[in-house]
Amino acid sequence: MINNSISSGRIFYIDIAKCIAIISVVVCHVLLMDLYSFHDIWNSPLMKFVSSYQMPLFMFLSGLVSITAHPKNGIIQDIIRRIQQLIVPFIIVASIFSLWKDHSLGFVFDTFKWGYWYLWVLFTYYLFSYTLNGGGKKIWLRYLIALVIWFIATRIVNRLPEMISNLLSLQLIVKYFPYFLMGNIIKRYQLHDKIFDNYILLYASIIIWMCSSLFSFHYGEYIVSCAEVLIIMHICKRMDSEKLKINKSLIRVGQSTLYIYIFHYFAIELMVTNCFQRFLANASCFFIDLLMATLPVAAAISFSLVLKWILEKDRLIMKYVFGKKA
């Protein structure tokens, strides 16, 4: 058994970690797009801290829940399912947001695609993961080849034509792939307890995080962010085992990460709190930023959950836009 808190195939501490990940993502976007309005954002200590782990954690968790065996219904059917769950929402929701905000569909030619790049990048990871599926004694060789391909990609991605790179978000695909792969490896070899309950690994990760300035060399950021991810996973697993009262709410949010991710951009666009930009530019500190971001973040998440609840009433939308069975 991986964990005794499993219900309907779900591992609760992973849902708790998903909650932390999506809240962190919304915090970053509220700071970037709203409070700081894209100005002097890296003066924010909170932004520097949260951005160091939020997307690595998101990608790691995606790998941690990815499949490691050949799909029972076949690869083609599984790809179709991924298209329905990731690409269709990406195209429809991102297009609506882009038309509303920018009155165009030019977002497809931008690397970040108004923030919806995550859906496309995750889809490409799932496509690549099919090459890692299945058993065999030399599965480790597939992972080694994957790492070699990634390493080569890091050296050449900046040399590719800019239009192609932006269209396919290649830099983001390359940047976050190791985190997805790490989660996939842990899932395959069922290393959850051995890694997330390992106090030696926890203390080592804390030391690495505290000494992050020593890892300013090339690829050093991966060491630090992986350490942060492992610290968070240890905390989430401990929270789950302690049966905290707040867990139920965190799990509920964690199970709605897709909807929060795609809808919170609309909430941020509706909010007008960029009037604080000048104040924050001069008085920015970790706790002021956190205090200022708390209400907009809560509002964006609540907006997304309410919108999800409304859309769930329409079976056709859930089936054809989000790939959910009626």
Protein backbone atom coordinates (compact mmCIF):
# COMPACT_ATOMS: atom_id res chain seq x y z
CA MET A 1 0.00 0.00 0.00
CA ILE A 2 1.25 3.46 -0.86
CA ASN A 3 -0.87 5.19 1.73
CA ASN A 4 -3.85 4.24 3.83
CA SER A 5 -5.77 7.37 2.89
CA ILE A 6 -6.89 6.15 -0.50
CA SER A 7 -10.45 6.49 -1.69
CA SER A 8 -11.60 5.57 -5.16
CA GLY A 9 -8.00 5.29 -6.27
CA ARG A 10 -7.07 8.78 -5.01
CA ILE A 11 -4.20 9.50 -2.65
CA PHE A 12 -5.28 12.32 -0.39
CA TYR A 13 -1.88 13.88 0.26
CA ILE A 14 -1.40 14.27 -3.49
CA ASP A 15 -4.66 16.22 -3.60
CA ILE A 16 -3.40 18.36 -0.70
CA ALA A 17 -0.20 19.01 -2.66
CA LYS A 18 -2.30 19.90 -5.72
CA CYS A 19 -4.16 22.42 -3.58
CA ILE A 20 -0.88 24.03 -2.50
CA ALA A 21 0.30 24.05 -6.12
CA ILE A 22 -2.81 25.72 -7.54
CA ILE A 23 -2.98 28.29 -4.73
CA SER A 24 0.68 29.11 -5.39
CA VAL A 25 -0.02 29.49 -9.11
CA VAL A 26 -2.91 31.86 -8.44
CA VAL A 27 -0.76 33.84 -5.99
CA CYS A 28 1.89 34.32 -8.68
CA HIS A 29 -0.65 35.38 -11.28
CA VAL A 30 -2.41 37.79 -8.92
CA LEU A 31 0.94 39.41 -8.12
CA LEU A 32 2.09 39.46 -11.74
CA MET A 33 -1.08 40.41 -13.62
CA ASP A 34 -2.98 42.35 -11.02
CA LEU A 35 -1.18 43.84 -8.03
CA TYR A 36 2.09 44.60 -9.82
CA SER A 37 0.59 44.85 -13.32
CA PHE A 38 3.74 43.32 -14.82
CA HIS A 39 5.89 46.16 -13.37
CA ASP A 40 8.83 45.46 -11.02
CA ILE A 41 7.41 42.01 -10.28
CA TRP A 42 10.79 40.57 -9.33
CA ASN A 43 11.05 43.14 -6.54
CA SER A 44 8.45 41.03 -4.77
CA PRO A 45 10.01 38.58 -2.26
CA LEU A 46 6.78 36.58 -2.28
CA MET A 47 6.90 36.23 -6.06
CA LYS A 48 10.52 35.08 -5.95
CA PHE A 49 9.70 32.47 -3.31
CA VAL A 50 6.48 31.05 -4.77
CA SER A 51 7.67 31.04 -8.39
CA SER A 52 10.69 28.94 -7.41
CA TYR A 53 8.51 25.89 -6.74
CA GLN A 54 4.95 26.36 -8.05
CA MET A 55 5.30 25.07 -11.62
CA PRO A 56 7.94 22.44 -10.73
CA LEU A 57 5.48 21.15 -8.12
CA PHE A 58 2.61 21.21 -10.63
CA MET A 59 4.60 19.26 -13.21
CA PHE A 60 5.92 16.83 -10.61
CA LEU A 61 2.39 16.07 -9.45
CA SER A 62 1.29 15.59 -13.05
CA GLY A 63 4.02 12.98 -13.45
CA LEU A 64 3.10 11.43 -10.11
CA VAL A 65 -0.44 10.69 -11.31
CA SER A 66 0.49 9.79 -14.90
CA ILE A 67 0.07 6.25 -16.17
CA THR A 68 3.11 3.95 -16.18
CA ALA A 69 1.54 0.98 -17.97
CA HIS A 70 0.04 0.66 -21.42
CA PRO A 71 -3.55 2.02 -21.35
CA LYS A 72 -6.17 -0.71 -21.11
CA ASN A 73 -8.23 0.87 -23.87
CA GLY A 74 -5.23 1.32 -26.17
CA ILE A 75 -2.89 4.23 -26.81
CA ILE A 76 -5.04 5.82 -29.53
CA GLN A 77 -8.12 5.91 -27.32
CA ASP A 78 -6.05 7.28 -24.45
CA ILE A 79 -4.66 10.04 -26.68
CA ILE A 80 -8.21 10.94 -27.71
CA ARG A 81 -9.15 11.12 -24.03
CA ARG A 82 -6.19 13.42 -23.33
CA ILE A 83 -7.19 15.64 -26.24
CA GLN A 84 -10.72 15.89 -24.84
CA GLN A 85 -9.50 16.69 -21.33
CA LEU A 86 -6.59 19.02 -22.15
CA ILE A 87 -6.48 20.26 -25.74
CA VAL A 88 -10.20 20.96 -26.22
CA PRO A 89 -10.43 23.08 -23.02
CA PHE A 90 -7.16 24.75 -24.02
CA ILE A 91 -8.49 25.74 -27.44
CA ILE A 92 -12.00 26.76 -26.34
CA VAL A 93 -11.33 28.50 -23.02
CA ALA A 94 -8.06 30.14 -24.07
CA SER A 95 -9.70 31.41 -27.26
CA ILE A 96 -12.61 32.91 -25.31
CA PHE A 97 -10.21 34.58 -22.88
CA SER A 98 -7.97 35.89 -25.67
CA LEU A 99 -10.91 37.30 -27.65
CA TRP A 100 -12.24 38.95 -24.50
CA LYS A 101 -8.92 40.41 -23.38
CA ASP A 102 -7.07 41.04 -26.64
CA HIS A 103 -9.81 40.82 -29.32
CA SER A 104 -7.66 38.37 -31.29
CA LEU A 105 -6.43 34.78 -31.36
CA GLY A 106 -2.80 35.77 -31.50
CA PHE A 107 -2.16 33.94 -28.22
CA VAL A 108 -1.34 30.75 -30.14
CA PHE A 109 1.87 32.39 -31.38
CA ASP A 110 2.97 33.34 -27.88
CA THR A 111 5.04 31.01 -25.69
CA PHE A 112 2.85 31.50 -22.61
CA LYS A 113 -0.49 31.59 -24.48
CA TRP A 114 -2.10 33.90 -21.90
CA GLY A 115 -1.09 31.39 -19.21
CA TYR A 116 -2.81 28.38 -20.79
CA TRP A 117 0.48 26.87 -21.96
CA TYR A 118 0.34 24.37 -19.09
CA LEU A 119 -2.45 22.37 -20.76
CA TRP A 120 -0.53 22.07 -24.03
CA VAL A 121 2.79 21.26 -22.35
CA LEU A 122 1.19 18.62 -20.13
CA PHE A 123 -0.36 17.02 -23.21
CA THR A 124 3.07 16.74 -24.85
CA TYR A 125 4.44 15.12 -21.69
CA TYR A 126 1.68 12.54 -21.75
CA LEU A 127 2.48 11.80 -25.39
CA PHE A 128 6.13 11.29 -24.52
CA SER A 129 5.27 9.14 -21.50
CA TYR A 130 3.78 6.47 -23.77
CA THR A 131 7.36 5.61 -24.79
CA LEU A 132 8.12 4.95 -21.11
CA ASN A 133 5.08 2.77 -20.44
CA GLY A 134 5.19 -0.97 -20.05
CA GLY A 135 7.47 -3.30 -18.16
CA GLY A 136 10.75 -4.97 -18.89
CA LYS A 137 14.04 -5.27 -17.08
CA LYS A 138 15.61 -2.38 -18.97
CA ILE A 139 12.96 0.23 -18.31
CA TRP A 140 15.69 2.29 -16.62
CA LEU A 141 17.32 2.55 -20.06
CA ARG A 142 14.23 4.35 -21.39
CA TYR A 143 14.48 6.88 -18.58
CA LEU A 144 18.18 7.36 -19.27
CA ILE A 145 17.46 7.97 -22.95
CA ALA A 146 14.71 10.43 -21.97
CA LEU A 147 17.19 12.38 -19.83
CA VAL A 148 19.74 12.40 -22.65
CA ILE A 149 17.10 13.71 -25.07
CA TRP A 150 16.14 16.39 -22.54
CA PHE A 151 19.77 17.42 -22.03
CA ILE A 152 20.32 17.75 -25.78
CA ALA A 153 17.08 19.71 -26.07
CA THR A 154 18.28 22.21 -23.45
CA ARG A 155 21.32 22.92 -25.60
CA ILE A 156 19.51 23.45 -28.90
CA VAL A 157 16.06 24.83 -28.01
CA ASN A 158 17.27 28.44 -28.07
CA ARG A 159 18.69 27.95 -31.56
CA LEU A 160 15.39 26.94 -33.12
CA PRO A 161 13.33 29.45 -35.15
CA GLU A 162 11.54 31.75 -32.72
CA MET A 163 8.14 31.38 -34.39
CA ILE A 164 8.21 27.58 -34.11
CA SER A 165 9.53 27.71 -30.56
CA ASN A 166 6.80 30.13 -29.46
CA LEU A 167 4.04 28.29 -31.32
CA LEU A 168 4.89 24.97 -29.62
CA SER A 169 6.07 26.49 -26.31
CA LEU A 170 9.25 24.46 -26.74
CA GLN A 171 11.23 26.32 -24.09
CA LEU A 172 8.58 25.56 -21.48
CA ILE A 173 8.33 21.92 -22.59
CA VAL A 174 12.07 21.52 -22.13
CA LYS A 175 12.25 23.54 -18.91
CA TYR A 176 9.74 21.56 -16.87
CA PHE A 177 10.16 18.06 -18.27
CA PRO A 178 12.55 16.78 -15.52
CA TYR A 179 9.92 17.40 -12.84
CA PHE A 180 7.30 15.42 -14.73
CA LEU A 181 9.84 12.64 -15.27
CA MET A 182 10.76 12.55 -11.59
CA GLY A 183 7.11 12.13 -10.63
CA ASN A 184 6.67 9.43 -13.25
CA ILE A 185 9.66 7.48 -11.90
CA ILE A 186 8.35 7.63 -8.33
CA LYS A 187 4.95 6.43 -9.56
CA ARG A 188 6.43 3.55 -11.55
CA TYR A 189 8.63 2.19 -8.77
CA GLN A 190 6.13 3.01 -5.99
CA LEU A 191 8.69 5.08 -4.11
CA HIS A 192 6.14 7.34 -2.41
CA ASP A 193 6.74 6.19 1.16
CA LYS A 194 10.49 5.72 0.75
CA ILE A 195 10.95 9.29 -0.48
CA PHE A 196 8.19 11.33 1.14
CA ASP A 197 8.70 9.73 4.59
CA ASN A 198 12.50 9.85 4.45
CA TYR A 199 13.72 12.32 7.08
CA ILE A 200 17.32 12.19 5.89
CA LEU A 201 16.13 13.27 2.45
CA LEU A 202 13.92 15.91 4.06
CA TYR A 203 16.78 17.44 6.06
CA ALA A 204 19.06 17.33 3.01
CA SER A 205 16.36 19.11 0.99
CA ILE A 206 15.98 21.79 3.66
CA ILE A 207 19.74 22.38 3.70
CA ILE A 208 19.79 22.66 -0.10
CA TRP A 209 16.92 25.14 0.00
CA MET A 210 18.56 27.24 2.72
CA CYS A 211 21.82 27.26 0.74
CA SER A 212 20.15 27.91 -2.61
CA SER A 213 22.60 30.70 -3.42
CA LEU A 214 25.30 28.04 -3.76
CA PHE A 215 23.41 26.48 -6.67
CA SER A 216 23.60 29.41 -9.07
CA PHE A 217 25.42 27.28 -11.64
CA HIS A 218 23.80 25.91 -14.81
CA TYR A 219 21.05 23.38 -13.96
CA GLY A 220 21.48 24.26 -10.27
CA GLU A 221 17.93 25.60 -10.18
CA TYR A 222 16.67 22.05 -10.74
CA ILE A 223 18.42 20.86 -7.59
CA VAL A 224 16.89 23.63 -5.49
CA SER A 225 13.37 23.37 -6.91
CA CYS A 226 13.39 19.56 -6.58
CA ALA A 227 14.39 20.01 -2.95
CA GLU A 228 11.47 22.40 -2.45
CA VAL A 229 9.09 19.93 -4.08
CA LEU A 230 10.25 17.12 -1.78
CA ILE A 231 9.84 19.35 1.29
CA ILE A 232 6.28 20.20 0.27
CA MET A 233 5.44 16.55 -0.43
CA HIS A 234 6.75 15.53 2.99
CA ILE A 235 4.63 18.22 4.65
CA CYS A 236 1.52 17.19 2.70
CA LYS A 237 1.98 13.53 3.55
CA ARG A 238 2.44 14.43 7.19
CA MET A 239 -0.69 16.59 7.13
CA ASP A 240 -2.61 13.65 5.67
CA SER A 241 -1.39 11.24 8.34
CA GLU A 242 -2.27 13.73 11.10
CA LYS A 243 -5.88 13.90 9.81
CA LEU A 244 -6.07 17.69 10.15
CA LYS A 245 -9.51 19.28 10.00
CA ILE A 246 -8.42 21.54 7.15
CA ASN A 247 -7.51 18.55 4.97
CA LYS A 248 -11.03 18.03 3.66
CA SER A 249 -11.17 21.57 2.27
CA LEU A 250 -7.67 21.32 0.82
CA ILE A 251 -8.50 18.01 -0.85
CA ARG A 252 -11.66 19.47 -2.36
CA VAL A 253 -9.69 22.34 -3.87
CA GLY A 254 -6.94 19.96 -4.99
CA GLN A 255 -9.45 17.87 -6.90
CA SER A 256 -10.55 20.95 -8.87
CA THR A 257 -7.14 22.21 -10.00
CA LEU A 258 -7.92 22.03 -13.73
CA TYR A 259 -10.98 24.24 -13.41
CA ILE A 260 -9.27 26.71 -11.08
CA TYR A 261 -6.33 26.91 -13.46
CA ILE A 262 -8.38 27.72 -16.55
CA PHE A 263 -10.97 29.99 -14.91
CA HIS A 264 -8.90 32.06 -12.46
CA TYR A 265 -7.54 34.17 -15.32
CA PHE A 266 -11.05 35.51 -15.92
CA ALA A 267 -11.38 36.43 -12.24
CA ILE A 268 -8.04 38.24 -12.23
CA GLU A 269 -9.03 40.16 -15.34
CA LEU A 270 -12.29 41.23 -13.68
CA MET A 271 -10.59 42.44 -10.52
CA VAL A 272 -9.16 45.96 -10.45
CA THR A 273 -6.46 45.97 -7.77
CA ASN A 274 -3.58 47.25 -9.90
CA CYS A 275 -4.04 50.60 -8.16
CA PHE A 276 -1.66 49.25 -5.52
CA GLN A 277 1.19 48.87 -8.02
CA ARG A 278 2.99 52.08 -7.09
CA PHE A 279 2.66 51.39 -3.39
CA LEU A 280 4.02 47.86 -3.72
CA ALA A 281 6.88 49.00 -5.93
CA ASN A 282 8.15 51.13 -3.03
CA ALA A 283 7.01 49.14 0.00
CA SER A 284 7.26 45.57 -1.18
CA CYS A 285 8.03 42.92 1.42
CA PHE A 286 7.01 39.29 1.86
CA PHE A 287 4.22 39.87 4.39
CA ILE A 288 2.78 42.98 2.73
CA ASP A 289 2.60 41.13 -0.58
CA LEU A 290 1.00 38.13 1.12
CA LEU A 291 -1.54 40.33 2.89
CA MET A 292 -2.41 42.21 -0.29
CA ALA A 293 -2.72 39.01 -2.34
CA THR A 294 -4.86 37.02 0.11
CA LEU A 295 -8.25 38.48 -0.78
CA PRO A 296 -7.77 38.51 -4.59
CA VAL A 297 -6.46 34.93 -4.49
CA ALA A 298 -9.42 33.75 -2.41
CA ALA A 299 -11.79 35.60 -4.76
CA ALA A 300 -10.21 34.08 -7.89
CA ILE A 301 -10.36 30.54 -6.49
CA SER A 302 -13.94 30.98 -5.25
CA PHE A 303 -14.98 32.39 -8.64
CA SER A 304 -13.45 29.37 -10.38
CA LEU A 305 -15.14 26.86 -8.07
CA VAL A 306 -18.53 28.54 -8.45
CA LEU A 307 -18.14 28.59 -12.24
CA LYS A 308 -17.20 24.91 -12.16
CA TRP A 309 -20.30 24.15 -10.06
CA ILE A 310 -22.50 26.00 -12.57
CA LEU A 311 -20.97 24.28 -15.60
CA GLU A 312 -21.31 20.85 -14.00
CA LYS A 313 -25.07 21.29 -14.30
CA ASP A 314 -24.71 21.14 -18.08
CA ARG A 315 -23.76 17.62 -19.14
CA LEU A 316 -23.08 18.61 -22.74
CA ILE A 317 -20.50 21.22 -21.75
CA MET A 318 -18.81 18.82 -19.35
CA LYS A 319 -18.73 16.10 -21.98
CA TYR A 320 -17.66 18.04 -25.06
CA VAL A 321 -15.56 20.82 -23.51
CA PHE A 322 -13.95 19.06 -20.57
CA GLY A 323 -14.12 15.44 -21.66
CA LYS A 324 -16.10 14.34 -18.60
CA LYS A 325 -18.51 11.45 -18.97
CA ALA A 326 -22.14 12.24 -18.29
